[in-house]
Amino acid sequence: MLARRLAALVAEGVNVNDVAGRALVRPLPDDHPAAALQYRIQHAPLPVQPLWDTVTTPDRRPEAERNELHHTPGHDRGISF
């Protein structure tokens, strides 16, 4: 049962090492340690996963290249549509 629960957490993308580490902060009891560990893992709050990633895309191209993107092809040659 414990192995299935850990496998399910891994499939959900949870860091199992972190969850198990928090569950093992206190010593496990001598009788039924695996059951106690499973109980702690099942009833512990899971770490919050970020809902989004911050993406920044600075434009590091030279200014001449950036300006080329804003021109209509042929505009510099006097062609009009």
C-alpha atoms as a PDB file:
ATOM      1  CA  MET A   1       0.000   0.000   0.000  1.00  0.00           C
ATOM      2  CA  LEU A   2       2.765   2.443   0.883  1.00  0.00           C
ATOM      3  CA  ALA A   3       4.593   1.776  -2.382  1.00  0.00           C
ATOM      4  CA  ARG A   4       1.383   2.362  -4.383  1.00  0.00           C
ATOM      5  CA  ARG A   5       0.755   5.644  -2.595  1.00  0.00           C
ATOM      6  CA  LEU A   6       4.304   6.827  -3.240  1.00  0.00           C
ATOM      7  CA  ALA A   7       4.058   5.794  -6.898  1.00  0.00           C
ATOM      8  CA  ALA A   8       0.791   7.729  -7.227  1.00  0.00           C
ATOM      9  CA  LEU A   9       2.416  10.810  -5.742  1.00  0.00           C
ATOM     10  CA  VAL A  10       5.325  10.517  -8.168  1.00  0.00           C
ATOM     11  CA  ALA A  11       2.844  10.231 -11.055  1.00  0.00           C
ATOM     12  CA  GLU A  12       1.204  13.464  -9.831  1.00  0.00           C
ATOM     13  CA  GLY A  13       4.566  15.198  -9.943  1.00  0.00           C
ATOM     14  CA  VAL A  14       4.998  15.475  -6.175  1.00  0.00           C
ATOM     15  CA  ASN A  15       8.522  15.481  -4.768  1.00  0.00           C
ATOM     16  CA  VAL A  16       8.291  12.239  -2.756  1.00  0.00           C
ATOM     17  CA  ASN A  17      11.651  12.823  -1.065  1.00  0.00           C
ATOM     18  CA  ASP A  18      10.305  16.046   0.434  1.00  0.00           C
ATOM     19  CA  VAL A  19       7.014  14.459   1.531  1.00  0.00           C
ATOM     20  CA  ALA A  20       8.756  11.446   3.101  1.00  0.00           C
ATOM     21  CA  GLY A  21      11.316  13.695   4.765  1.00  0.00           C
ATOM     22  CA  ARG A  22       8.574  15.733   6.410  1.00  0.00           C
ATOM     23  CA  ALA A  23       6.776  12.551   7.479  1.00  0.00           C
ATOM     24  CA  LEU A  24       9.976  11.258   9.108  1.00  0.00           C
ATOM     25  CA  VAL A  25      10.730  14.357  11.169  1.00  0.00           C
ATOM     26  CA  ARG A  26       9.412  12.538  14.233  1.00  0.00           C
ATOM     27  CA  PRO A  27      10.529   8.960  14.873  1.00  0.00           C
ATOM     28  CA  LEU A  28       8.185   6.213  13.713  1.00  0.00           C
ATOM     29  CA  PRO A  29       6.656   3.943  16.340  1.00  0.00           C
ATOM     30  CA  ASP A  30       8.202   0.513  16.859  1.00  0.00           C
ATOM     31  CA  ASP A  31       4.961  -1.306  16.098  1.00  0.00           C
ATOM     32  CA  HIS A  32       3.725  -0.944  12.479  1.00  0.00           C
ATOM     33  CA  PRO A  33       6.212   1.682  11.263  1.00  0.00           C
ATOM     34  CA  ALA A  34       5.168   1.315   7.605  1.00  0.00           C
ATOM     35  CA  ALA A  35       1.506   1.904   8.484  1.00  0.00           C
ATOM     36  CA  ALA A  36       2.473   4.948  10.530  1.00  0.00           C
ATOM     37  CA  LEU A  37       4.538   6.322   7.652  1.00  0.00           C
ATOM     38  CA  GLN A  38       1.693   5.748   5.207  1.00  0.00           C
ATOM     39  CA  TYR A  39      -0.728   7.516   7.554  1.00  0.00           C
ATOM     40  CA  ARG A  40       1.591  10.506   7.883  1.00  0.00           C
ATOM     41  CA  ILE A  41       2.053  10.738   4.131  1.00  0.00           C
ATOM     42  CA  GLN A  42      -1.672  10.447   3.408  1.00  0.00           C
ATOM     43  CA  HIS A  43      -2.681  13.027   5.997  1.00  0.00           C
ATOM     44  CA  ALA A  44       0.112  15.538   5.504  1.00  0.00           C
ATOM     45  CA  PRO A  45      -0.584  18.608   3.428  1.00  0.00           C
ATOM     46  CA  LEU A  46       1.122  18.322   0.066  1.00  0.00           C
ATOM     47  CA  PRO A  47       3.513  21.048  -1.008  1.00  0.00           C
ATOM     48  CA  VAL A  48       1.894  23.720  -3.112  1.00  0.00           C
ATOM     49  CA  GLN A  49       2.884  23.527  -6.745  1.00  0.00           C
ATOM     50  CA  PRO A  50       3.157  26.817  -8.640  1.00  0.00           C
ATOM     51  CA  LEU A  51       0.204  27.362 -10.947  1.00  0.00           C
ATOM     52  CA  TRP A  52       2.224  29.196 -13.561  1.00  0.00           C
ATOM     53  CA  ASP A  53       5.745  30.027 -14.560  1.00  0.00           C
ATOM     54  CA  THR A  54       6.969  33.547 -15.034  1.00  0.00           C
ATOM     55  CA  VAL A  55       8.411  33.963 -18.476  1.00  0.00           C
ATOM     56  CA  THR A  56      10.442  36.957 -19.463  1.00  0.00           C
ATOM     57  CA  THR A  57      11.671  37.314 -22.983  1.00  0.00           C
ATOM     58  CA  PRO A  58      14.029  40.257 -23.224  1.00  0.00           C
ATOM     59  CA  ASP A  59      14.753  41.339 -26.747  1.00  0.00           C
ATOM     60  CA  ARG A  60      18.544  41.151 -26.917  1.00  0.00           C
ATOM     61  CA  ARG A  61      18.855  41.687 -30.647  1.00  0.00           C
ATOM     62  CA  PRO A  62      20.541  44.828 -31.954  1.00  0.00           C
ATOM     63  CA  GLU A  63      18.158  47.735 -32.519  1.00  0.00           C
ATOM     64  CA  ALA A  64      18.550  47.512 -36.307  1.00  0.00           C
ATOM     65  CA  GLU A  65      17.234  43.923 -36.289  1.00  0.00           C
ATOM     66  CA  ARG A  66      14.303  44.847 -34.059  1.00  0.00           C
ATOM     67  CA  ASN A  67      13.309  47.674 -36.379  1.00  0.00           C
ATOM     68  CA  GLU A  68      13.342  45.337 -39.387  1.00  0.00           C
ATOM     69  CA  LEU A  69      10.537  43.319 -37.811  1.00  0.00           C
ATOM     70  CA  HIS A  70       8.213  46.325 -37.889  1.00  0.00           C
ATOM     71  CA  HIS A  71       8.668  47.185 -41.577  1.00  0.00           C
ATOM     72  CA  THR A  72       6.454  45.913 -44.354  1.00  0.00           C
ATOM     73  CA  PRO A  73       8.479  43.972 -46.935  1.00  0.00           C
ATOM     74  CA  GLY A  74       9.286  46.222 -49.872  1.00  0.00           C
ATOM     75  CA  HIS A  75       8.369  49.363 -47.950  1.00  0.00           C
ATOM     76  CA  ASP A  76      11.922  50.641 -48.059  1.00  0.00           C
ATOM     77  CA  ARG A  77      11.975  50.295 -51.865  1.00  0.00           C
ATOM     78  CA  GLY A  78       8.961  52.534 -52.453  1.00  0.00           C
ATOM     79  CA  ILE A  79       6.577  49.690 -53.266  1.00  0.00           C
ATOM     80  CA  SER A  80       3.011  50.322 -52.084  1.00  0.00           C
ATOM     81  CA  PHE A  81      -0.009  48.085 -52.025  1.00  0.00           C
END
